[in-house]
Structures are given as C-alpha cells and as structure tokens.
Amino acid sequence: MSSKYGRINDSDDDSSSSSSSSSSSSSLSESSPLILPAQQVTPNYIDEIKPDNTKNINIMVLTVFLMSIGFTLMMPSMLDYLNWVNPDYGSKYNGLVTAIYSAGQFVASPIFGYWGNKRPTREPLIVSIIISILGNALYAVAYLFGDGYIPVMVIARFIVGVGAGNVSVCRAYASETSTLSNKTQTMAKMSGAQGAGFVLGPAFGFALSYLKNTSYNGWYFSQYTAPGYLSVLFALVNVIVLILYFNPQKPRPIATGILINQAEEERLQAKIKSNEPEEDRLPVFVSIYLFAVVISIFAVFESVMAMMTLKYYGWGPKGNGFIMGASGVLSVVVFVAISTPIIKRIDDRKTALFGYVNLFIALLFLASYDNGPFRWETGLPKWQLVMGAIFVSIGYPIASSLIYAIFSKVLNPKLQGTKMGWLTAGGSLARMLGPIWATALFGVADDILYFTCAGLTATGVIVLLIFYRRLTPHKDYIIPAPVAAAAATTTPTPSSISVRNDDS
C-alpha cells in the first residue's frame, strides 16, 4: 500500500508475517493514538527516499555552465562590435543591447518553469536551447542587415535571454531530485557552475579577440562574430548531451515512516490537513527580495568597475581584466568551497547572513571618502579597491547560493519550476535595472552610489533577521509525531520506494 509517507504492507497482504509482528502492531495501535492533538505534533524534518540522480543533476549543472558562458562570451567584444558597424552605435546602444538579455530572461523564466512542471523536463530544456541557438546565430550575422542592424541586435539578444530562461528548469529539477540534507550542496553546485561560466566566458571572448577578420562572399568570421558562432557550438553540444544522457526521474517526496493501515492513515491526513494553514507564500517573496538585492549589488559592481578604475587610475581593458579576472577566480573558489559536504554543518540562514555582511563591508571599502562630510582621502586608494573586490568575491557567491538553497527548501518539494522561474525573473530584473540607476548615481558621486548600495544590502540583512524563523523548510518536509514514532522502529525496504518517471 502506497502512502505519502511511505509504502507498507497490510498484515492481510503478507501471509508470511509472524504472529508476534501482528500482535506488536496491534499493541502499538491500541497503546498509542494515531491522531494526536495539534499541540502534541512536533516537527521532525525528513529526507525523502529518492533515486540516485547524480548524473542528471550534473547535466543540469553543465547546462547552467554552458548557458552562462553563452551570456558572457560576447561581453568583451560587444561594444566594439557595435562600433565596428557604426562608430556612434557603441555609446548609444550598448546599454540597451546589454540589458535586453535580462528582459528576455525575465519574461521567459516563469514560462519555462511552468512548462517544466507540466511536461517532461527534457522538453523545455531542448526548446529553450534551440531558441538560444537562433538568437546567437542572429547575433553573429546582424551586420548583414545594414540599417536594421540595431533592431536585429536587440532582437537577437532578447531571444538569447529567452533561451536562458531554462535556468529555472535546471534549478527546479536539481532541487526536486535532491534530498533536504543535500539541497544546499546541490544548489551551491548550480551557482558555482553559473559563476564559473561568468568567469570563463569573458576569458574565451578575450582569446577570440586575437582572431583575424576573414570574409567569404560577404560573410565575416571575426573577433566580433566568432562569439556568436562559438555559443551556437556550445548549445549544440548541450542538446546532444541532453538527448543521449539525460534520463530524468522525479521522485514523489516520501518519508521514512510507515502507518498501520490505510484507513488510519486517511484519518491522520484529514486531521493534519484540517489544521494546516493555506500555502504560505511570504517566505517565497522574502527569498525573492533577498536574491534580487544580491544580484543588484553584483550587477552594480560589474557595471561601474570600468568607469571607476578609469576615473581614479586611468586603467584600460588590461587592468580591468586583471581585477575582474582575479575576482572571478576567487568567487569560483568560494563556490567550490560551499558546494562541499561541510556546508551541511552550518545553518543556511546564518551562512547567508555572513555573505550579506561581506557585501556590506565591500561596499564601504569601495566608497571614496573624498566628498561631502568625509574628505578623509584623495581619490580611492588601490588597497581599498582590492579589499572591496575581495569582500565582493566572498560575499556574492555565499549570499546568492544560500538564498537559492533557502528558496528551494521553503517551496513545496514537488513542482518547483514556476516559482523557480519567479526567482530567476527577480534576479533578471535586478540585473537589468541595477546598472541603470548605478550609472546615474555614479555620475553624481561614487560615494553616494556605494553608500546607497550599502543601505540596500542592510535592508537585506534586516529582512533576513526579521523573517529568520519563517525561512524554514516547507511543511511537506515535516513528518508528524505519530509517523515519526513508527519510523523510528521500522526501516522501509527498497520495494517501498515510490518513483514517478519524469518522462511518463
């Protein structure tokens, strides 16, 4: 007999069970009530029995990694690509072409997440990657459209952003198929893949800058078009891997306990359900806000770094590449560190707070105290820049990964795709709007910008502390006390595992 909490055999179904087992079961049912008063039901967090999905989760990690490379691969050359077609295009349209990617992801993330809930995971993944292939190919040949170059570029980047909406599907699948105790480690691995893609993408783009321009019948293969073609190649590899090796299974979350018989289970479930409040969405929206704060701060750091180093040190692409590259490498190291089993020993909320505090300290270092009431120094000393970059590189991966982990736990264990889409959309909106207001404030005074960002980070800390007790695992991860008592004396057999094939 299957149940939400496990699979059991009635005594009538198992003729080989001993009389002593039957009598002990009867004794248990008579001596301890199966439905306890509400105040006696204590939460016991459980891990679901799930099949080994390590290979499938790793394919999701690979997908996020390749999609992240596809996003950042053209960043080093995009401005020059615009100026190559028309010297006036770069200053006018670079911000639009950059931001429109996030707009596409913002729109598509909830849609693909919902699709992933209703259909086999492979479907939205392959379709979204094909969409990104079309967008990247259009980006590579946009120069062929003459006066329509800018509209085509905008459309191409929007299409690529739509394809990147599959990140919500990847994260939802990884969360749904990992146990409660492994969610933090799994989500950190996903974030680490994204961070590594963000670091290696510009590195590949920088390497492509050494290509010589070649043309054939009006078709150019150059440092400007090559990133689009290479992104197409990465996407094709991704599709092949999904078709050949991705064999998903989504388990039904179940607990390790058993119940005496189905009638008693139904009475227990009816009692529990009648006492349960409706779905609590407050932790969901709190997590989305916390995530948007982290992404917004990092987007500000990325977008104004070049302007800041040019203003204070006269650095060009080489100097900026060094500081951003070093920051990226440190971030990847931190991502790897928090994806190890040791992260399970620390409460997710405390680790997230640690990440936020690091971001707050970083922003105080990055502000130049040569304006307004401070006037403590002239310009921004390089040691402050280095310290700020170090704290950002530590705080961002920790805060972003742990908020993802918290979010994956406050959601219902099943069908997380749509709400993962909400989270991805929130991050996309922050990444789209952050550079806009950051550039405006930097034009006024960079210390005002960083103090504003520090205040925004402080709101994240305050919100996390206020709702600290609400950011706990979803109630479906809790096994009622009567079931927990039965689980303590019974171990399910392999045949008791109930699994839904994702492709069914």
Protein backbone atom coordinates (compact mmCIF):
# COMPACT_ATOMS: atom_id res chain seq x y z
CA MET A 1 0.00 0.00 0.00
CA SER A 2 1.46 3.39 -1.03
CA SER A 3 1.19 6.48 1.09
CA LYS A 4 2.56 9.96 1.21
CA TYR A 5 4.94 8.83 3.91
CA GLY A 6 5.99 5.50 2.50
CA ARG A 7 4.79 2.16 1.23
CA ILE A 8 3.65 -0.54 3.59
CA ASN A 9 2.06 -3.95 3.52
CA ASP A 10 -1.11 -4.69 5.47
CA SER A 11 -0.99 -7.74 7.65
CA ASP A 12 -3.57 -9.35 5.35
CA ASP A 13 -1.28 -8.84 2.37
CA ASP A 14 1.68 -10.57 3.94
CA SER A 15 0.78 -14.09 4.92
CA SER A 16 4.33 -14.78 5.99
CA SER A 17 4.39 -12.18 8.75
CA SER A 18 4.76 -13.72 12.18
CA SER A 19 2.09 -13.63 14.84
CA SER A 20 4.44 -11.73 17.10
CA SER A 21 4.71 -8.97 14.49
CA SER A 22 0.93 -8.85 14.20
CA SER A 23 0.44 -8.68 17.92
CA SER A 24 3.07 -5.99 18.33
CA SER A 25 1.42 -3.94 15.57
CA SER A 26 -1.94 -4.37 17.27
CA SER A 27 -0.43 -3.41 20.57
CA LEU A 28 1.07 -0.31 19.05
CA SER A 29 -2.25 0.77 17.55
CA GLU A 30 -4.06 0.25 20.86
CA SER A 31 -1.48 1.80 23.16
CA SER A 32 -0.65 4.96 21.21
CA PRO A 33 -3.17 7.13 19.38
CA LEU A 34 -2.53 7.64 15.70
CA ILE A 35 -4.03 11.12 15.70
CA LEU A 36 -2.53 13.33 18.36
CA PRO A 37 -3.81 16.74 19.42
CA ALA A 38 -2.27 19.56 17.43
CA GLN A 39 -0.12 20.72 20.32
CA GLN A 40 1.46 17.27 20.57
CA VAL A 41 2.55 17.10 16.92
CA THR A 42 6.19 18.13 16.81
CA PRO A 43 8.10 18.73 13.58
CA ASN A 44 10.66 16.17 12.53
CA TYR A 45 12.46 17.16 9.34
CA ILE A 46 12.94 14.27 6.97
CA ASP A 47 14.84 13.35 3.88
CA GLU A 48 12.89 11.85 1.02
CA ILE A 49 13.82 8.47 -0.36
CA LYS A 50 14.96 9.32 -3.88
CA PRO A 51 16.75 7.53 -6.67
CA ASP A 52 20.32 8.44 -7.45
CA ASN A 53 20.06 11.41 -9.81
CA THR A 54 23.69 12.49 -9.59
CA LYS A 55 24.27 12.12 -13.33
CA ASN A 56 21.12 14.03 -14.24
CA ILE A 57 21.87 16.80 -11.75
CA ASN A 58 25.39 17.09 -13.15
CA ILE A 59 23.88 17.51 -16.63
CA MET A 60 21.78 20.36 -15.22
CA VAL A 61 24.98 21.85 -13.80
CA LEU A 62 26.59 21.55 -17.24
CA THR A 63 23.59 23.24 -18.86
CA VAL A 64 23.76 26.20 -16.49
CA PHE A 65 27.53 26.41 -17.06
CA LEU A 66 27.22 26.47 -20.85
CA MET A 67 24.34 28.96 -20.80
CA SER A 68 26.37 31.26 -18.53
CA ILE A 69 29.30 31.11 -20.94
CA GLY A 70 26.91 31.96 -23.75
CA PHE A 71 25.80 35.07 -21.87
CA THR A 72 29.26 36.45 -21.08
CA LEU A 73 31.19 35.22 -24.12
CA MET A 74 30.40 38.30 -26.20
CA MET A 75 30.66 40.85 -23.40
CA PRO A 76 34.33 41.80 -24.10
CA SER A 77 33.62 42.45 -27.79
CA MET A 78 30.01 43.64 -27.87
CA LEU A 79 30.88 47.33 -27.61
CA ASP A 80 33.49 47.00 -30.35
CA TYR A 81 31.03 45.01 -32.49
CA LEU A 82 28.61 47.92 -32.33
CA ASN A 83 31.33 50.44 -33.16
CA TRP A 84 32.63 48.23 -35.98
CA VAL A 85 29.34 48.65 -37.81
CA ASN A 86 28.94 52.33 -36.87
CA PRO A 87 31.25 54.36 -34.59
CA ASP A 88 28.23 56.04 -32.98
CA TYR A 89 26.40 52.84 -32.08
CA GLY A 90 28.51 51.85 -29.08
CA SER A 91 27.83 54.90 -26.94
CA LYS A 92 24.15 54.97 -27.90
CA TYR A 93 23.05 51.36 -27.78
CA ASN A 94 25.48 49.30 -25.70
CA GLY A 95 23.37 49.66 -22.55
CA LEU A 96 20.20 48.64 -24.38
CA VAL A 97 21.79 45.63 -26.07
CA THR A 98 23.22 44.51 -22.73
CA ALA A 99 20.04 44.97 -20.70
CA ILE A 100 17.65 43.42 -23.21
CA TYR A 101 19.12 39.97 -22.47
CA SER A 102 17.88 40.19 -18.89
CA ALA A 103 14.49 41.37 -20.15
CA GLY A 104 14.17 38.20 -22.23
CA GLN A 105 15.14 36.02 -19.29
CA PHE A 106 12.72 37.92 -17.05
CA VAL A 107 9.82 37.13 -19.38
CA ALA A 108 10.74 33.52 -20.14
CA SER A 109 11.83 32.14 -16.76
CA PRO A 110 8.34 31.65 -15.24
CA ILE A 111 7.04 30.28 -18.55
CA PHE A 112 9.73 27.62 -18.85
CA GLY A 113 9.40 26.86 -15.14
CA TYR A 114 5.66 26.23 -15.54
CA TRP A 115 6.34 24.13 -18.63
CA GLY A 116 8.82 22.05 -16.66
CA ASN A 117 6.14 21.37 -14.06
CA LYS A 118 3.61 20.13 -16.60
CA ARG A 119 5.77 18.25 -19.08
CA PRO A 120 8.97 16.14 -19.09
CA THR A 121 11.98 18.23 -18.13
CA ARG A 122 13.79 17.49 -21.37
CA GLU A 123 11.16 19.34 -23.44
CA PRO A 124 11.59 22.92 -22.17
CA LEU A 125 15.35 22.44 -21.94
CA ILE A 126 15.82 21.42 -25.57
CA VAL A 127 13.36 24.00 -26.89
CA SER A 128 14.99 26.80 -24.88
CA ILE A 129 18.47 25.83 -26.08
CA ILE A 130 17.27 25.79 -29.70
CA ILE A 131 15.88 29.29 -29.11
CA SER A 132 19.28 30.42 -27.81
CA ILE A 133 20.94 28.89 -30.90
CA LEU A 134 18.70 31.01 -33.13
CA GLY A 135 19.47 34.12 -31.09
CA ASN A 136 23.23 33.61 -31.11
CA ALA A 137 23.26 32.85 -34.83
CA LEU A 138 21.27 36.03 -35.48
CA TYR A 139 23.75 37.97 -33.32
CA ALA A 140 26.64 36.68 -35.43
CA VAL A 141 25.08 37.80 -38.73
CA ALA A 142 23.37 41.00 -37.55
CA TYR A 143 25.83 43.15 -39.53
CA LEU A 144 24.27 41.82 -42.76
CA PHE A 145 21.07 43.78 -42.11
CA GLY A 146 22.59 47.21 -42.78
CA ASP A 147 20.38 49.95 -41.36
CA GLY A 148 18.40 47.33 -39.47
CA TYR A 149 21.50 46.27 -37.55
CA ILE A 150 20.48 47.70 -34.16
CA PRO A 151 16.91 46.29 -34.16
CA VAL A 152 18.29 42.91 -35.20
CA MET A 153 20.94 43.04 -32.44
CA VAL A 154 18.30 43.90 -29.86
CA ILE A 155 16.05 41.08 -31.08
CA ALA A 156 18.97 38.64 -31.11
CA ARG A 157 19.99 39.42 -27.53
CA PHE A 158 16.37 39.28 -26.38
CA ILE A 159 16.00 35.83 -27.97
CA VAL A 160 19.18 34.63 -26.27
CA GLY A 161 17.77 35.91 -22.96
CA VAL A 162 14.55 33.99 -23.58
CA GLY A 163 16.59 30.83 -24.10
CA ALA A 164 18.41 31.49 -20.82
CA GLY A 165 15.06 31.21 -19.03
CA ASN A 166 15.77 27.48 -18.81
CA VAL A 167 17.90 28.16 -15.74
CA SER A 168 14.68 27.98 -13.72
CA VAL A 169 14.02 24.48 -15.10
CA CYS A 170 17.55 23.33 -14.25
CA ARG A 171 17.38 24.65 -10.71
CA ALA A 172 13.89 23.26 -10.14
CA TYR A 173 14.92 19.80 -11.31
CA ALA A 174 18.06 19.84 -9.16
CA SER A 175 16.07 20.94 -6.13
CA GLU A 176 13.21 18.48 -6.61
CA THR A 177 15.52 15.50 -7.05
CA SER A 178 17.90 16.25 -4.17
CA THR A 179 17.21 15.37 -0.56
CA LEU A 180 16.62 18.02 2.08
CA SER A 181 20.06 17.49 3.60
CA ASN A 182 21.75 17.81 0.18
CA LYS A 183 19.83 20.79 -1.22
CA THR A 184 22.32 23.39 -0.02
CA GLN A 185 25.23 21.49 -1.53
CA THR A 186 23.35 20.89 -4.79
CA MET A 187 22.20 24.49 -5.19
CA ALA A 188 25.72 25.71 -4.40
CA LYS A 189 26.99 23.47 -7.18
CA MET A 190 24.49 25.05 -9.56
CA SER A 191 25.53 28.55 -8.53
CA GLY A 192 29.18 27.56 -8.84
CA ALA A 193 28.58 26.43 -12.42
CA GLN A 194 26.99 29.78 -13.18
CA GLY A 195 29.88 31.65 -11.56
CA ALA A 196 32.46 29.60 -13.45
CA GLY A 197 30.63 30.33 -16.70
CA PHE A 198 30.65 34.04 -15.94
CA VAL A 199 34.42 33.88 -15.39
CA LEU A 200 35.35 31.66 -18.35
CA GLY A 201 33.00 33.36 -20.81
CA PRO A 202 34.95 36.65 -20.91
CA ALA A 203 38.19 34.64 -20.98
CA PHE A 204 37.06 32.87 -24.14
CA GLY A 205 35.91 36.20 -25.53
CA PHE A 206 39.31 37.73 -24.83
CA ALA A 207 41.01 34.80 -26.60
CA LEU A 208 38.77 35.30 -29.64
CA SER A 209 39.91 38.92 -29.87
CA TYR A 210 43.15 37.64 -31.44
CA LEU A 211 41.28 36.23 -34.45
CA LYS A 212 41.96 37.87 -37.79
CA ASN A 213 38.99 39.03 -39.81
CA THR A 214 38.18 36.71 -42.68
CA SER A 215 35.33 37.00 -45.16
CA TYR A 216 33.73 34.93 -47.88
CA ASN A 217 31.03 36.30 -50.18
CA GLY A 218 30.10 38.96 -47.62
CA TRP A 219 30.11 36.58 -44.64
CA TYR A 220 32.55 37.65 -41.93
CA PHE A 221 34.20 35.45 -39.35
CA SER A 222 35.96 37.77 -36.93
CA GLN A 223 36.54 38.57 -33.28
CA TYR A 224 33.08 40.21 -33.30
CA THR A 225 31.07 37.41 -34.89
CA ALA A 226 33.02 34.43 -33.50
CA PRO A 227 31.44 34.65 -30.00
CA GLY A 228 28.02 34.10 -31.56
CA TYR A 229 29.20 31.09 -33.56
CA LEU A 230 31.01 29.59 -30.55
CA SER A 231 27.88 29.99 -28.42
CA VAL A 232 25.96 28.07 -31.09
CA LEU A 233 28.55 25.28 -30.89
CA PHE A 234 28.29 25.08 -27.09
CA ALA A 235 24.49 24.94 -27.34
CA LEU A 236 24.60 22.11 -29.89
CA VAL A 237 26.86 20.11 -27.56
CA ASN A 238 24.37 20.76 -24.76
CA VAL A 239 21.45 19.47 -26.84
CA ILE A 240 23.35 16.30 -27.76
CA VAL A 241 24.19 15.62 -24.10
CA LEU A 242 20.56 16.10 -23.09
CA ILE A 243 19.29 13.74 -25.78
CA LEU A 244 21.85 10.99 -25.19
CA TYR A 245 22.49 11.05 -21.45
CA PHE A 246 19.68 12.86 -19.63
CA ASN A 247 17.26 10.26 -18.27
CA PRO A 248 15.27 12.09 -15.62
CA GLN A 249 13.23 10.64 -12.82
CA LYS A 250 11.29 12.87 -10.48
CA PRO A 251 10.52 11.12 -7.20
CA ARG A 252 7.44 11.61 -5.16
CA PRO A 253 8.68 13.00 -1.85
CA ILE A 254 8.04 10.44 0.83
CA ALA A 255 9.16 9.92 4.38
CA THR A 256 10.79 7.01 6.05
CA GLY A 257 7.85 6.19 8.33
CA ILE A 258 5.00 3.71 7.97
CA LEU A 259 1.40 3.67 9.13
CA ILE A 260 -0.61 0.77 10.46
CA ASN A 261 -3.21 0.69 7.71
CA GLN A 262 -4.73 2.89 5.04
CA ALA A 263 -7.88 3.83 6.94
CA GLU A 264 -5.85 5.09 9.87
CA GLU A 265 -3.55 6.97 7.50
CA GLU A 266 -6.51 8.69 5.82
CA ARG A 267 -7.91 9.78 9.19
CA LEU A 268 -4.49 11.12 10.18
CA GLN A 269 -4.06 13.00 6.91
CA ALA A 270 -7.55 14.50 7.17
CA LYS A 271 -6.79 15.69 10.70
CA ILE A 272 -3.45 17.19 9.68
CA LYS A 273 -4.91 18.85 6.58
CA SER A 274 -7.78 20.41 8.54
CA ASN A 275 -5.28 22.01 10.93
CA GLU A 276 -2.93 23.28 8.22
CA PRO A 277 -3.00 26.89 7.02
CA GLU A 278 -3.06 27.67 3.32
CA GLU A 279 0.20 27.75 1.40
CA ASP A 280 2.48 30.34 3.00
CA ARG A 281 3.93 32.50 0.25
CA LEU A 282 5.59 35.06 2.49
CA PRO A 283 8.90 33.11 2.67
CA VAL A 284 8.80 32.82 -1.13
CA PHE A 285 8.55 36.58 -1.66
CA VAL A 286 11.08 37.30 1.09
CA SER A 287 13.57 34.97 -0.61
CA ILE A 288 12.98 36.62 -3.99
CA TYR A 289 13.66 40.05 -2.47
CA LEU A 290 16.83 38.83 -0.77
CA PHE A 291 18.06 37.30 -4.02
CA ALA A 292 17.27 40.46 -6.00
CA VAL A 293 19.33 42.50 -3.53
CA VAL A 294 22.37 40.25 -4.02
CA ILE A 295 22.11 40.26 -7.82
CA SER A 296 21.57 44.02 -7.93
CA ILE A 297 24.68 44.70 -5.85
CA PHE A 298 26.84 42.43 -8.00
CA ALA A 299 25.44 43.97 -11.20
CA VAL A 300 26.39 47.41 -9.88
CA PHE A 301 29.91 46.19 -9.10
CA GLU A 302 30.29 44.79 -12.62
CA SER A 303 28.83 47.77 -14.45
CA VAL A 304 30.72 50.63 -12.77
CA MET A 305 34.07 48.94 -12.20
CA ALA A 306 35.49 50.02 -15.57
CA MET A 307 34.29 53.60 -15.10
CA MET A 308 35.69 53.74 -11.58
CA THR A 309 39.14 52.41 -12.46
CA LEU A 310 39.32 54.74 -15.46
CA LYS A 311 38.42 57.70 -13.25
CA TYR A 312 40.91 57.00 -10.48
CA TYR A 313 43.75 55.09 -12.13
CA GLY A 314 43.36 55.55 -15.88
CA TRP A 315 43.12 51.78 -16.36
CA GLY A 316 42.03 50.26 -19.66
CA PRO A 317 40.81 46.78 -20.60
CA LYS A 318 44.01 45.10 -19.39
CA GLY A 319 43.86 46.47 -15.84
CA ASN A 320 40.12 45.91 -15.58
CA GLY A 321 40.53 42.41 -16.95
CA PHE A 322 43.06 41.64 -14.23
CA ILE A 323 40.93 42.85 -11.31
CA MET A 324 37.72 41.29 -12.66
CA GLY A 325 39.50 38.06 -13.56
CA ALA A 326 41.07 37.76 -10.12
CA SER A 327 37.69 38.47 -8.50
CA GLY A 328 36.08 35.83 -10.68
CA VAL A 329 38.65 33.20 -9.79
CA LEU A 330 38.20 33.90 -6.07
CA SER A 331 34.42 33.66 -6.48
CA VAL A 332 34.74 30.27 -8.16
CA VAL A 333 36.97 29.06 -5.30
CA VAL A 334 34.30 30.15 -2.82
CA PHE A 335 31.56 28.50 -4.91
CA VAL A 336 33.53 25.24 -4.87
CA ALA A 337 34.12 25.50 -1.12
CA ILE A 338 30.43 25.90 -0.31
CA SER A 339 29.45 23.01 -2.59
CA THR A 340 31.34 20.55 -0.35
CA PRO A 341 29.57 18.50 2.35
CA ILE A 342 30.95 20.73 5.11
CA ILE A 343 28.31 23.34 4.26
CA LYS A 344 25.65 21.00 5.72
CA ARG A 345 27.01 21.62 9.21
CA ILE A 346 26.03 25.30 9.20
CA ASP A 347 22.53 26.75 9.17
CA ASP A 348 21.74 28.17 5.72
CA ARG A 349 20.37 31.40 7.18
CA LYS A 350 23.50 32.06 9.21
CA THR A 351 25.72 31.42 6.19
CA ALA A 352 23.57 33.76 4.07
CA LEU A 353 23.92 36.46 6.74
CA PHE A 354 27.68 36.01 6.58
CA GLY A 355 27.54 36.61 2.83
CA TYR A 356 25.46 39.77 3.25
CA VAL A 357 27.85 41.15 5.86
CA ASN A 358 30.76 40.60 3.46
CA LEU A 359 28.90 42.52 0.74
CA PHE A 360 28.16 45.36 3.15
CA ILE A 361 31.83 45.62 4.14
CA ALA A 362 32.88 45.51 0.47
CA LEU A 363 30.68 48.49 -0.39
CA LEU A 364 32.16 50.54 2.45
CA PHE A 365 35.64 49.81 1.09
CA LEU A 366 34.67 50.75 -2.48
CA ALA A 367 33.36 54.18 -1.50
CA SER A 368 35.87 57.03 -1.82
CA TYR A 369 35.89 59.23 1.26
CA ASP A 370 36.85 62.44 -0.53
CA ASN A 371 33.46 64.05 -0.82
CA GLY A 372 30.75 65.60 1.34
CA PRO A 373 31.30 65.45 5.11
CA PHE A 374 34.14 62.92 4.98
CA ARG A 375 37.08 64.22 2.94
CA TRP A 376 39.40 61.69 4.58
CA GLU A 377 41.38 60.88 1.46
CA THR A 378 42.05 61.88 -2.12
CA GLY A 379 40.51 59.56 -4.66
CA LEU A 380 40.24 55.84 -4.00
CA PRO A 381 43.45 54.14 -2.80
CA LYS A 382 44.17 50.93 -4.67
CA TRP A 383 44.25 48.93 -1.46
CA GLN A 384 40.60 49.88 -0.87
CA LEU A 385 39.69 48.69 -4.35
CA VAL A 386 41.45 45.38 -3.75
CA MET A 387 39.81 44.88 -0.35
CA GLY A 388 36.39 45.75 -1.78
CA ALA A 389 36.86 43.29 -4.64
CA ILE A 390 37.92 40.55 -2.21
CA PHE A 391 34.87 41.01 0.02
CA VAL A 392 32.54 41.11 -3.00
CA SER A 393 34.12 37.91 -4.33
CA ILE A 394 33.44 36.21 -0.99
CA GLY A 395 30.04 37.68 -0.20
CA TYR A 396 28.35 37.32 -3.58
CA PRO A 397 28.78 33.55 -4.10
CA ILE A 398 27.86 32.78 -0.50
CA ALA A 399 24.78 35.00 -0.36
CA SER A 400 23.45 34.05 -3.80
CA SER A 401 23.98 30.31 -3.33
CA LEU A 402 22.49 30.19 0.15
CA ILE A 403 19.42 32.22 -0.81
CA TYR A 404 18.88 29.75 -3.64
CA ALA A 405 19.21 26.90 -1.13
CA ILE A 406 16.78 28.53 1.30
CA PHE A 407 14.33 29.19 -1.52
CA SER A 408 14.46 25.58 -2.69
CA LYS A 409 13.55 24.43 0.84
CA VAL A 410 10.70 26.84 1.56
CA LEU A 411 8.97 25.67 -1.63
CA ASN A 412 6.77 22.62 -1.88
CA PRO A 413 9.12 19.67 -2.56
CA LYS A 414 7.26 18.94 -5.81
CA LEU A 415 6.70 21.05 -8.93
CA GLN A 416 9.04 23.93 -8.12
CA GLY A 417 9.52 25.08 -11.71
CA THR A 418 7.13 28.04 -11.77
CA LYS A 419 8.37 29.56 -8.53
CA MET A 420 11.99 28.94 -9.51
CA GLY A 421 11.04 30.97 -12.55
CA TRP A 422 9.85 33.75 -10.26
CA LEU A 423 13.22 33.78 -8.50
CA THR A 424 15.16 33.81 -11.77
CA ALA A 425 12.90 36.60 -13.06
CA GLY A 426 13.55 38.62 -9.92
CA GLY A 427 17.28 38.25 -10.44
CA SER A 428 16.94 39.20 -14.10
CA LEU A 429 15.00 42.35 -13.22
CA ALA A 430 17.67 43.31 -10.68
CA ARG A 431 20.45 42.68 -13.20
CA MET A 432 18.57 44.80 -15.75
CA LEU A 433 17.76 47.78 -13.51
CA GLY A 434 20.86 47.78 -11.27
CA PRO A 435 23.31 49.13 -13.87
CA ILE A 436 20.84 51.85 -14.92
CA TRP A 437 20.48 53.53 -11.52
CA ALA A 438 24.12 52.73 -10.68
CA THR A 439 25.39 54.61 -13.72
CA ALA A 440 23.15 57.57 -12.87
CA LEU A 441 24.35 57.74 -9.26
CA PHE A 442 27.99 57.27 -10.24
CA GLY A 443 27.67 60.36 -12.41
CA VAL A 444 26.70 62.32 -9.29
CA ALA A 445 29.25 60.88 -6.84
CA ASP A 446 30.56 57.35 -6.45
CA ASP A 447 30.46 57.53 -2.66
CA ILE A 448 26.72 58.22 -2.84
CA LEU A 449 26.37 55.19 -5.11
CA TYR A 450 28.18 52.81 -2.77
CA PHE A 451 26.52 54.16 0.38
CA THR A 452 23.16 53.64 -1.34
CA CYS A 453 24.18 50.08 -2.20
CA ALA A 454 25.33 49.53 1.38
CA GLY A 455 21.92 50.72 2.58
CA LEU A 456 20.22 48.32 0.16
CA THR A 457 22.38 45.47 1.48
CA ALA A 458 21.49 46.47 5.04
CA THR A 459 17.80 46.10 4.19
CA GLY A 460 18.58 42.55 3.09
CA VAL A 461 20.20 41.82 6.45
CA ILE A 462 17.26 43.36 8.32
CA VAL A 463 14.67 41.47 6.28
CA LEU A 464 16.56 38.21 6.77
CA LEU A 465 16.68 38.76 10.54
CA ILE A 466 13.01 39.77 10.77
CA PHE A 467 11.81 36.71 8.86
CA TYR A 468 14.55 34.39 10.12
CA ARG A 469 12.12 31.93 11.69
CA ARG A 470 9.86 31.90 8.64
CA LEU A 471 12.63 30.80 6.29
CA THR A 472 12.41 27.15 7.29
CA PRO A 473 11.72 24.03 5.20
CA HIS A 474 8.25 23.61 3.73
CA LYS A 475 5.71 21.78 5.89
CA ASP A 476 5.72 18.82 3.50
CA TYR A 477 9.24 18.10 4.74
CA ILE A 478 7.81 17.60 8.24
CA ILE A 479 6.65 14.19 9.37
CA PRO A 480 4.02 14.22 12.14
CA ALA A 481 4.97 12.78 15.51
CA PRO A 482 2.90 9.56 15.19
CA VAL A 483 4.55 8.78 11.87
CA ALA A 484 7.94 9.67 13.28
CA ALA A 485 7.40 7.22 16.13
CA ALA A 486 6.55 4.44 13.69
CA ALA A 487 9.50 5.39 11.50
CA ALA A 488 11.85 5.05 14.43
CA THR A 489 11.05 1.35 14.69
CA THR A 490 10.66 0.45 11.01
CA THR A 491 13.01 0.62 8.04
CA PRO A 492 11.46 0.63 4.56
CA THR A 493 12.63 -1.89 2.02
CA PRO A 494 13.81 -0.93 -1.46
CA SER A 495 10.47 -2.08 -2.82
CA SER A 496 8.77 0.61 -0.75
CA ILE A 497 10.19 3.43 -2.80
CA SER A 498 7.61 5.13 -5.00
CA VAL A 499 9.03 6.95 -8.01
CA ARG A 500 7.39 8.82 -10.86
CA ASN A 501 9.25 8.67 -14.12
CA ASP A 502 9.59 12.23 -15.41
CA ASP A 503 9.15 11.11 -19.00
CA SER A 504 5.90 9.28 -18.37
